[in-house]
Amino acid sequence: MSGALAALGWTLFGLAIVAGLLLDVVGLFGNWIILGATAIVWAASGFDYFGPWTLVFMTALAVLGEVLEVVVAGVGARRFGGSKGSMIAALIGCLVGAVVGTPWFPIVGTLIGACVGAFAAATLYEYLQQDKALHAALWTGLGAAIGKVGGLLAKLLCGLAMLAIAAMSLF
């Protein structure tokens, strides 16, 4: 029975990893699912697999992924000609858009809402506060939306790095 329980445990661990990576793609808390699954395996195995340093490094990567996801949208707005204010507006727009989009289209709405929110907030800020022409403000908004997608990619890469650390700690 022990072998069957171990197989079940590793299967559930694998499913949690896949779910975590999918959640990363849509801007949700996937890296935290990966970290939690790893911590559960560590504890359930009698602390035979992984280890405290693995969890420390994975926690740092999970935090880095969250920071990058949020900050890169603002950087995108800035790189597309936006002001510092448009960076802040894009960050706020990401958060508001994700919250508003989630109830309309669960899971996918979070991603769409965050991108639309970053775009709209950066565009409006540049157009209304910086008196930019509409096409220039829209360009900045596009940079914010592209930055949001880049932030999600960075978060996913952090999740993959977490998996690499976990895998290396097994050997």
N, C-alpha and C. Protein backbone atom coordinates (compact mmCIF):
# COMPACT_ATOMS: atom_id res chain seq x y z
N MET A 1 0.83 -1.20 0.00
CA MET A 1 0.00 0.00 0.00
C MET A 1 0.86 1.25 0.00
N SER A 2 2.02 1.18 0.59
CA SER A 2 2.92 2.33 0.64
C SER A 2 3.31 2.79 -0.76
N GLY A 3 3.57 1.84 -1.65
CA GLY A 3 3.93 2.18 -3.03
C GLY A 3 2.78 2.87 -3.75
N ALA A 4 1.55 2.41 -3.50
CA ALA A 4 0.38 3.02 -4.12
C ALA A 4 0.17 4.43 -3.60
N LEU A 5 0.39 4.63 -2.32
CA LEU A 5 0.24 5.99 -1.75
C LEU A 5 1.32 6.92 -2.30
N ALA A 6 2.53 6.40 -2.44
CA ALA A 6 3.60 7.22 -3.01
C ALA A 6 3.28 7.60 -4.44
N ALA A 7 2.78 6.66 -5.22
CA ALA A 7 2.41 6.95 -6.61
C ALA A 7 1.30 7.99 -6.67
N LEU A 8 0.32 7.84 -5.78
CA LEU A 8 -0.77 8.82 -5.73
C LEU A 8 -0.23 10.20 -5.34
N GLY A 9 0.65 10.23 -4.35
CA GLY A 9 1.22 11.51 -3.91
C GLY A 9 2.00 12.20 -5.01
N TRP A 10 2.85 11.45 -5.72
CA TRP A 10 3.63 12.07 -6.80
C TRP A 10 2.74 12.48 -7.97
N THR A 11 1.67 11.72 -8.20
CA THR A 11 0.73 12.11 -9.26
C THR A 11 0.04 13.42 -8.90
N LEU A 12 -0.41 13.53 -7.66
CA LEU A 12 -1.03 14.78 -7.22
C LEU A 12 -0.04 15.94 -7.27
N PHE A 13 1.20 15.66 -6.92
CA PHE A 13 2.25 16.68 -7.00
C PHE A 13 2.40 17.15 -8.45
N GLY A 14 2.45 16.22 -9.38
CA GLY A 14 2.57 16.57 -10.80
C GLY A 14 1.39 17.39 -11.29
N LEU A 15 0.20 17.01 -10.87
CA LEU A 15 -1.00 17.77 -11.25
C LEU A 15 -0.96 19.19 -10.68
N ALA A 16 -0.47 19.32 -9.45
CA ALA A 16 -0.35 20.66 -8.84
C ALA A 16 0.64 21.51 -9.62
N ILE A 17 1.73 20.90 -10.09
CA ILE A 17 2.72 21.64 -10.88
C ILE A 17 2.10 22.13 -12.18
N VAL A 18 1.40 21.24 -12.88
CA VAL A 18 0.75 21.62 -14.14
C VAL A 18 -0.27 22.73 -13.89
N ALA A 19 -1.08 22.58 -12.86
CA ALA A 19 -2.07 23.61 -12.52
C ALA A 19 -1.38 24.93 -12.21
N GLY A 20 -0.28 24.87 -11.46
CA GLY A 20 0.45 26.09 -11.12
C GLY A 20 0.96 26.81 -12.36
N LEU A 21 1.52 26.07 -13.29
CA LEU A 21 2.04 26.70 -14.51
C LEU A 21 0.91 27.29 -15.35
N LEU A 22 -0.21 26.60 -15.42
CA LEU A 22 -1.36 27.14 -16.16
C LEU A 22 -1.89 28.40 -15.50
N LEU A 23 -1.92 28.42 -14.19
CA LEU A 23 -2.37 29.62 -13.47
C LEU A 23 -1.40 30.78 -13.70
N ASP A 24 -0.10 30.50 -13.81
CA ASP A 24 0.87 31.55 -14.12
C ASP A 24 0.56 32.22 -15.45
N VAL A 25 0.17 31.42 -16.43
CA VAL A 25 -0.09 31.94 -17.77
C VAL A 25 -1.23 32.95 -17.76
N VAL A 26 -2.19 32.77 -16.88
CA VAL A 26 -3.32 33.70 -16.83
C VAL A 26 -3.19 34.73 -15.71
N GLY A 27 -2.01 34.81 -15.11
CA GLY A 27 -1.76 35.87 -14.14
C GLY A 27 -2.26 35.59 -12.73
N LEU A 28 -2.50 34.34 -12.41
CA LEU A 28 -2.94 34.02 -11.07
C LEU A 28 -1.77 33.49 -10.26
N PHE A 29 -2.02 32.85 -9.16
CA PHE A 29 -1.05 32.53 -8.12
C PHE A 29 -0.37 31.17 -8.32
N GLY A 30 -0.02 30.82 -9.53
CA GLY A 30 0.52 29.50 -9.84
C GLY A 30 1.81 29.15 -9.12
N ASN A 31 2.72 30.11 -9.01
CA ASN A 31 3.99 29.81 -8.34
C ASN A 31 3.79 29.47 -6.87
N TRP A 32 2.77 30.02 -6.27
CA TRP A 32 2.48 29.71 -4.87
C TRP A 32 1.90 28.30 -4.75
N ILE A 33 1.18 27.85 -5.75
CA ILE A 33 0.68 26.46 -5.77
C ILE A 33 1.87 25.51 -5.88
N ILE A 34 2.82 25.84 -6.76
CA ILE A 34 4.02 25.02 -6.92
C ILE A 34 4.80 24.95 -5.60
N LEU A 35 4.97 26.09 -4.98
CA LEU A 35 5.69 26.15 -3.71
C LEU A 35 4.96 25.34 -2.63
N GLY A 36 3.65 25.50 -2.55
CA GLY A 36 2.87 24.76 -1.55
C GLY A 36 2.94 23.26 -1.78
N ALA A 37 2.85 22.84 -3.04
CA ALA A 37 2.93 21.40 -3.35
C ALA A 37 4.29 20.85 -2.95
N THR A 38 5.34 21.61 -3.21
CA THR A 38 6.68 21.17 -2.85
C THR A 38 6.82 21.06 -1.33
N ALA A 39 6.29 22.03 -0.62
CA ALA A 39 6.36 22.00 0.85
C ALA A 39 5.57 20.81 1.41
N ILE A 40 4.44 20.51 0.80
CA ILE A 40 3.64 19.36 1.26
C ILE A 40 4.40 18.06 1.04
N VAL A 41 5.04 17.93 -0.14
CA VAL A 41 5.82 16.71 -0.39
C VAL A 41 6.98 16.61 0.60
N TRP A 42 7.62 17.72 0.85
CA TRP A 42 8.73 17.73 1.80
C TRP A 42 8.28 17.21 3.17
N ALA A 43 7.15 17.75 3.65
CA ALA A 43 6.65 17.34 4.97
C ALA A 43 6.09 15.91 4.94
N ALA A 44 5.34 15.57 3.89
CA ALA A 44 4.71 14.24 3.82
C ALA A 44 5.73 13.12 3.66
N SER A 45 6.89 13.45 3.10
CA SER A 45 7.93 12.43 2.89
C SER A 45 8.82 12.27 4.11
N GLY A 46 8.47 12.91 5.18
CA GLY A 46 9.32 12.85 6.37
C GLY A 46 10.58 13.67 6.18
N PHE A 47 10.48 14.70 5.36
CA PHE A 47 11.57 15.63 5.07
C PHE A 47 12.72 14.96 4.30
N ASP A 48 12.35 13.91 3.52
CA ASP A 48 13.35 13.22 2.72
C ASP A 48 13.60 13.91 1.38
N TYR A 49 12.57 14.51 0.80
CA TYR A 49 12.68 15.14 -0.50
C TYR A 49 12.71 16.65 -0.34
N PHE A 50 13.39 17.29 -1.25
CA PHE A 50 13.55 18.73 -1.26
C PHE A 50 14.33 19.16 -0.03
N GLY A 51 13.93 20.18 0.65
CA GLY A 51 14.66 20.63 1.83
C GLY A 51 14.40 22.09 2.09
N PRO A 52 14.86 22.59 3.23
CA PRO A 52 14.56 23.98 3.58
C PRO A 52 15.18 24.98 2.59
N TRP A 53 16.40 24.72 2.11
CA TRP A 53 17.01 25.68 1.19
C TRP A 53 16.29 25.69 -0.15
N THR A 54 15.79 24.55 -0.56
CA THR A 54 14.99 24.48 -1.78
C THR A 54 13.77 25.38 -1.63
N LEU A 55 13.11 25.28 -0.49
CA LEU A 55 11.91 26.10 -0.26
C LEU A 55 12.25 27.58 -0.16
N VAL A 56 13.39 27.92 0.42
CA VAL A 56 13.81 29.32 0.50
C VAL A 56 14.02 29.90 -0.90
N PHE A 57 14.76 29.16 -1.73
CA PHE A 57 15.02 29.65 -3.09
C PHE A 57 13.73 29.71 -3.92
N MET A 58 12.87 28.72 -3.73
CA MET A 58 11.60 28.73 -4.46
C MET A 58 10.71 29.87 -4.01
N THR A 59 10.72 30.18 -2.72
CA THR A 59 9.94 31.32 -2.21
C THR A 59 10.44 32.62 -2.82
N ALA A 60 11.76 32.78 -2.88
CA ALA A 60 12.34 33.99 -3.48
C ALA A 60 11.91 34.12 -4.94
N LEU A 61 11.91 33.01 -5.67
CA LEU A 61 11.48 33.06 -7.08
C LEU A 61 9.99 33.34 -7.21
N ALA A 62 9.18 32.83 -6.30
CA ALA A 62 7.74 33.11 -6.34
C ALA A 62 7.49 34.61 -6.11
N VAL A 63 8.20 35.19 -5.16
CA VAL A 63 8.07 36.63 -4.90
C VAL A 63 8.56 37.42 -6.12
N LEU A 64 9.70 37.04 -6.66
CA LEU A 64 10.24 37.72 -7.85
C LEU A 64 9.25 37.66 -9.00
N GLY A 65 8.62 36.52 -9.19
CA GLY A 65 7.63 36.39 -10.26
C GLY A 65 6.47 37.35 -10.09
N GLU A 66 5.99 37.50 -8.87
CA GLU A 66 4.88 38.44 -8.61
C GLU A 66 5.30 39.88 -8.88
N VAL A 67 6.49 40.23 -8.42
CA VAL A 67 6.99 41.60 -8.62
C VAL A 67 7.16 41.89 -10.11
N LEU A 68 7.78 40.96 -10.82
CA LEU A 68 7.99 41.16 -12.26
C LEU A 68 6.67 41.27 -13.01
N GLU A 69 5.72 40.45 -12.64
CA GLU A 69 4.43 40.50 -13.33
C GLU A 69 3.81 41.89 -13.26
N VAL A 70 3.90 42.51 -12.11
CA VAL A 70 3.28 43.82 -11.92
C VAL A 70 4.14 44.94 -12.51
N VAL A 71 5.43 44.89 -12.28
CA VAL A 71 6.30 46.01 -12.66
C VAL A 71 6.54 46.11 -14.16
N VAL A 72 6.58 44.98 -14.86
CA VAL A 72 6.94 45.01 -16.27
C VAL A 72 5.90 45.75 -17.12
N ALA A 73 4.64 45.76 -16.71
CA ALA A 73 3.63 46.53 -17.44
C ALA A 73 3.96 48.01 -17.41
N GLY A 74 4.37 48.50 -16.26
CA GLY A 74 4.77 49.90 -16.15
C GLY A 74 6.00 50.21 -16.97
N VAL A 75 6.94 49.28 -16.97
CA VAL A 75 8.16 49.46 -17.76
C VAL A 75 7.81 49.50 -19.25
N GLY A 76 6.86 48.66 -19.66
CA GLY A 76 6.42 48.67 -21.06
C GLY A 76 5.83 50.02 -21.44
N ALA A 77 5.02 50.60 -20.57
CA ALA A 77 4.46 51.93 -20.84
C ALA A 77 5.57 52.96 -21.00
N ARG A 78 6.54 52.88 -20.12
CA ARG A 78 7.66 53.83 -20.15
C ARG A 78 8.48 53.68 -21.43
N ARG A 79 8.74 52.43 -21.82
CA ARG A 79 9.55 52.17 -23.02
C ARG A 79 8.83 52.60 -24.30
N PHE A 80 7.52 52.71 -24.24
CA PHE A 80 6.76 53.15 -25.41
C PHE A 80 6.41 54.63 -25.30
N GLY A 81 7.24 55.37 -24.59
CA GLY A 81 7.12 56.82 -24.56
C GLY A 81 6.31 57.40 -23.43
N GLY A 82 5.90 56.61 -22.49
CA GLY A 82 5.08 57.11 -21.39
C GLY A 82 5.91 57.77 -20.31
N SER A 83 5.24 58.54 -19.52
CA SER A 83 5.87 59.22 -18.39
C SER A 83 5.89 58.29 -17.18
N LYS A 84 6.52 58.76 -16.10
CA LYS A 84 6.51 57.98 -14.86
C LYS A 84 5.08 57.80 -14.36
N GLY A 85 4.27 58.80 -14.57
CA GLY A 85 2.86 58.70 -14.16
C GLY A 85 2.12 57.60 -14.90
N SER A 86 2.46 57.41 -16.18
CA SER A 86 1.80 56.35 -16.93
C SER A 86 2.24 54.98 -16.44
N MET A 87 3.46 54.89 -15.91
CA MET A 87 3.91 53.63 -15.32
C MET A 87 3.03 53.28 -14.12
N ILE A 88 2.80 54.25 -13.28
CA ILE A 88 1.96 54.03 -12.10
C ILE A 88 0.53 53.74 -12.51
N ALA A 89 0.05 54.49 -13.51
CA ALA A 89 -1.31 54.26 -14.00
C ALA A 89 -1.45 52.84 -14.56
N ALA A 90 -0.44 52.37 -15.29
CA ALA A 90 -0.48 51.01 -15.84
C ALA A 90 -0.52 49.97 -14.73
N LEU A 91 0.24 50.19 -13.67
CA LEU A 91 0.23 49.26 -12.53
C LEU A 91 -1.15 49.19 -11.89
N ILE A 92 -1.72 50.37 -11.67
CA ILE A 92 -3.06 50.43 -11.06
C ILE A 92 -4.08 49.82 -12.01
N GLY A 93 -3.95 50.14 -13.30
CA GLY A 93 -4.86 49.59 -14.30
C GLY A 93 -4.81 48.07 -14.37
N CYS A 94 -3.61 47.50 -14.23
CA CYS A 94 -3.47 46.04 -14.21
C CYS A 94 -4.27 45.43 -13.08
N LEU A 95 -4.10 45.99 -11.91
CA LEU A 95 -4.77 45.44 -10.73
C LEU A 95 -6.29 45.59 -10.82
N VAL A 96 -6.73 46.79 -11.19
CA VAL A 96 -8.17 47.03 -11.29
C VAL A 96 -8.77 46.18 -12.40
N GLY A 97 -8.09 46.12 -13.54
CA GLY A 97 -8.58 45.33 -14.67
C GLY A 97 -8.69 43.85 -14.33
N ALA A 98 -7.71 43.33 -13.61
CA ALA A 98 -7.74 41.92 -13.22
C ALA A 98 -8.92 41.64 -12.30
N VAL A 99 -9.15 42.53 -11.35
CA VAL A 99 -10.26 42.35 -10.41
C VAL A 99 -11.60 42.45 -11.13
N VAL A 100 -11.72 43.42 -12.03
CA VAL A 100 -12.98 43.60 -12.76
C VAL A 100 -13.20 42.49 -13.77
N GLY A 101 -12.14 42.04 -14.43
CA GLY A 101 -12.27 41.02 -15.46
C GLY A 101 -12.55 39.63 -14.96
N THR A 102 -12.10 39.32 -13.77
CA THR A 102 -12.23 37.95 -13.25
C THR A 102 -13.68 37.48 -13.13
N PRO A 103 -14.59 38.27 -12.57
CA PRO A 103 -15.97 37.76 -12.46
C PRO A 103 -16.66 37.58 -13.82
N TRP A 104 -16.26 38.37 -14.80
CA TRP A 104 -16.91 38.28 -16.12
C TRP A 104 -16.49 37.02 -16.85
N PHE A 105 -15.21 36.73 -16.83
CA PHE A 105 -14.68 35.54 -17.50
C PHE A 105 -13.66 34.91 -16.56
N PRO A 106 -14.11 34.04 -15.67
CA PRO A 106 -13.17 33.46 -14.70
C PRO A 106 -11.91 32.91 -15.38
N ILE A 107 -10.81 33.11 -14.74
CA ILE A 107 -9.46 32.73 -15.14
C ILE A 107 -8.98 33.56 -16.33
N VAL A 108 -9.58 33.42 -17.51
CA VAL A 108 -9.13 34.19 -18.67
C VAL A 108 -9.42 35.67 -18.48
N GLY A 109 -10.49 35.99 -17.78
CA GLY A 109 -10.84 37.38 -17.54
C GLY A 109 -9.80 38.13 -16.73
N THR A 110 -9.09 37.40 -15.89
CA THR A 110 -8.03 38.02 -15.11
C THR A 110 -6.94 38.54 -16.04
N LEU A 111 -6.52 37.72 -16.97
CA LEU A 111 -5.49 38.11 -17.94
C LEU A 111 -5.98 39.23 -18.85
N ILE A 112 -7.15 39.04 -19.42
CA ILE A 112 -7.69 40.05 -20.34
C ILE A 112 -7.92 41.36 -19.60
N GLY A 113 -8.51 41.28 -18.42
CA GLY A 113 -8.77 42.49 -17.64
C GLY A 113 -7.49 43.23 -17.28
N ALA A 114 -6.45 42.49 -16.91
CA ALA A 114 -5.18 43.12 -16.55
C ALA A 114 -4.56 43.82 -17.75
N CYS A 115 -4.58 43.18 -18.90
CA CYS A 115 -4.01 43.79 -20.11
C CYS A 115 -4.82 45.01 -20.54
N VAL A 116 -6.14 44.87 -20.55
CA VAL A 116 -6.99 46.00 -20.93
C VAL A 116 -6.86 47.12 -19.91
N GLY A 117 -6.80 46.77 -18.64
CA GLY A 117 -6.65 47.80 -17.61
C GLY A 117 -5.34 48.56 -17.73
N ALA A 118 -4.25 47.85 -17.99
CA ALA A 118 -2.95 48.51 -18.17
C ALA A 118 -2.99 49.42 -19.39
N PHE A 119 -3.55 48.92 -20.48
CA PHE A 119 -3.66 49.71 -21.70
C PHE A 119 -4.50 50.98 -21.47
N ALA A 120 -5.69 50.79 -20.91
CA ALA A 120 -6.60 51.92 -20.72
C ALA A 120 -6.04 52.96 -19.76
N ALA A 121 -5.49 52.51 -18.66
CA ALA A 121 -5.00 53.45 -17.65
C ALA A 121 -3.81 54.25 -18.17
N ALA A 122 -2.87 53.57 -18.83
CA ALA A 122 -1.70 54.28 -19.37
C ALA A 122 -2.12 55.24 -20.48
N THR A 123 -3.03 54.79 -21.33
CA THR A 123 -3.51 55.65 -22.43
C THR A 123 -4.21 56.88 -21.88
N LEU A 124 -5.14 56.68 -20.95
CA LEU A 124 -5.87 57.82 -20.38
C LEU A 124 -4.95 58.78 -19.66
N TYR A 125 -4.00 58.26 -18.92
CA TYR A 125 -3.08 59.15 -18.21
C TYR A 125 -2.30 60.01 -19.19
N GLU A 126 -1.75 59.40 -20.20
CA GLU A 126 -0.95 60.17 -21.16
C GLU A 126 -1.81 61.17 -21.92
N TYR A 127 -3.02 60.77 -22.28
CA TYR A 127 -3.89 61.65 -23.05
C TYR A 127 -4.43 62.79 -22.21
N LEU A 128 -4.88 62.49 -21.00
CA LEU A 128 -5.51 63.52 -20.16
C LEU A 128 -4.52 64.33 -19.33
N GLN A 129 -3.51 63.69 -18.77
CA GLN A 129 -2.59 64.38 -17.87
C GLN A 129 -1.36 64.95 -18.58
N GLN A 130 -0.93 64.29 -19.62
CA GLN A 130 0.27 64.74 -20.30
C GLN A 130 -0.04 65.48 -21.61
N ASP A 131 -1.32 65.60 -21.93
CA ASP A 131 -1.77 66.29 -23.15
C ASP A 131 -1.10 65.76 -24.41
N LYS A 132 -0.92 64.47 -24.47
CA LYS A 132 -0.35 63.86 -25.67
C LYS A 132 -1.45 63.66 -26.69
N ALA A 133 -1.03 63.61 -27.96
CA ALA A 133 -1.97 63.29 -29.03
C ALA A 133 -2.51 61.88 -28.80
N LEU A 134 -3.70 61.63 -29.31
CA LEU A 134 -4.33 60.34 -29.06
C LEU A 134 -3.47 59.18 -29.55
N HIS A 135 -2.87 59.31 -30.72
CA HIS A 135 -2.06 58.20 -31.23
C HIS A 135 -0.84 57.93 -30.35
N ALA A 136 -0.24 58.97 -29.80
CA ALA A 136 0.91 58.79 -28.90
C ALA A 136 0.47 58.15 -27.58
N ALA A 137 -0.69 58.56 -27.08
CA ALA A 137 -1.21 57.98 -25.85
C ALA A 137 -1.57 56.51 -26.06
N LEU A 138 -2.16 56.19 -27.21
CA LEU A 138 -2.48 54.80 -27.53
C LEU A 138 -1.22 53.95 -27.65
N TRP A 139 -0.16 54.52 -28.18
CA TRP A 139 1.12 53.82 -28.29
C TRP A 139 1.66 53.46 -26.90
N THR A 140 1.56 54.41 -25.99
CA THR A 140 1.98 54.14 -24.62
C THR A 140 1.13 53.04 -24.00
N GLY A 141 -0.17 53.10 -24.22
CA GLY A 141 -1.07 52.06 -23.71
C GLY A 141 -0.73 50.69 -24.28
N LEU A 142 -0.37 50.65 -25.55
CA LEU A 142 0.04 49.39 -26.17
C LEU A 142 1.29 48.85 -25.48
N GLY A 143 2.22 49.73 -25.18
CA GLY A 143 3.42 49.31 -24.45
C GLY A 143 3.09 48.73 -23.09
N ALA A 144 2.12 49.31 -22.42
CA ALA A 144 1.71 48.80 -21.11
C ALA A 144 1.10 47.40 -21.24
N ALA A 145 0.26 47.21 -22.25
CA ALA A 145 -0.37 45.89 -22.46
C ALA A 145 0.68 44.85 -22.83
N ILE A 146 1.59 45.21 -23.71
CA ILE A 146 2.67 44.28 -24.08
C ILE A 146 3.53 43.98 -22.86
N GLY A 147 3.80 45.00 -22.06
CA GLY A 147 4.56 44.80 -20.84
C GLY A 147 3.87 43.84 -19.90
N LYS A 148 2.55 43.91 -19.82
CA LYS A 148 1.79 42.99 -18.97
C LYS A 148 1.99 41.55 -19.43
N VAL A 149 1.93 41.34 -20.73
CA VAL A 149 2.15 39.99 -21.26
C VAL A 149 3.59 39.55 -20.96
N GLY A 150 4.53 40.48 -21.10
CA GLY A 150 5.93 40.18 -20.76
C GLY A 150 6.08 39.83 -19.29
N GLY A 151 5.34 40.52 -18.44
CA GLY A 151 5.37 40.23 -17.02
C GLY A 151 4.85 38.83 -16.71
N LEU A 152 3.81 38.43 -17.43
CA LEU A 152 3.29 37.07 -17.26
C LEU A 152 4.31 36.03 -17.71
N LEU A 153 5.00 36.32 -18.80
CA LEU A 153 6.04 35.42 -19.27
C LEU A 153 7.16 35.31 -18.23
N ALA A 154 7.54 36.45 -17.65
CA ALA A 154 8.58 36.44 -16.61
C ALA A 154 8.13 35.62 -15.41
N LYS A 155 6.86 35.73 -15.04
CA LYS A 155 6.33 34.96 -13.92
C LYS A 155 6.36 33.47 -14.24
N LEU A 156 6.00 33.11 -15.46
CA LEU A 156 6.05 31.71 -15.88
C LEU A 156 7.49 31.19 -15.85
N LEU A 157 8.42 32.00 -16.30
CA LEU A 157 9.83 31.59 -16.26
C LEU A 157 10.31 31.39 -14.83
N CYS A 158 9.84 32.21 -13.91
CA CYS A 158 10.17 32.00 -12.49
C CYS A 158 9.60 30.67 -12.00
N GLY A 159 8.39 30.33 -12.44
CA GLY A 159 7.80 29.05 -12.08
C GLY A 159 8.62 27.88 -12.62
N LEU A 160 9.09 28.01 -13.86
CA LEU A 160 9.93 26.96 -14.43
C LEU A 160 11.26 26.86 -13.70
N ALA A 161 11.81 28.00 -13.30
CA ALA A 161 13.06 27.99 -12.52
C ALA A 161 12.82 27.31 -11.16
N MET A 162 11.65 27.53 -10.58
CA MET A 162 11.31 26.86 -9.32
C MET A 162 11.32 25.34 -9.51
N LEU A 163 10.77 24.90 -10.63
CA LEU A 163 10.75 23.46 -10.91
C LEU A 163 12.17 22.92 -11.09
N ALA A 164 13.02 23.70 -11.75
CA ALA A 164 14.40 23.25 -11.96
C ALA A 164 15.11 23.12 -10.61
N ILE A 165 14.89 24.07 -9.72
CA ILE A 165 15.51 23.99 -8.39
C ILE A 165 15.00 22.77 -7.64
N ALA A 166 13.69 22.52 -7.71
CA ALA A 166 13.12 21.36 -7.02
C ALA A 166 13.71 20.07 -7.61
N ALA A 167 13.79 20.01 -8.92
CA ALA A 167 14.34 18.81 -9.56
C ALA A 167 15.81 18.59 -9.19
N MET A 168 16.59 19.66 -9.17
CA MET A 168 18.01 19.53 -8.82
C MET A 168 18.17 19.09 -7.37
N SER A 169 17.26 19.46 -6.51
CA SER A 169 17.40 19.09 -5.10
C SER A 169 17.08 17.62 -4.85
N LEU A 170 16.49 16.95 -5.83
CA LEU A 170 16.18 15.53 -5.68
C LEU A 170 17.41 14.66 -5.91
N PHE A 171 18.40 15.21 -6.54
CA PHE A 171 19.60 14.41 -6.87
C PHE A 171 20.76 14.71 -5.97
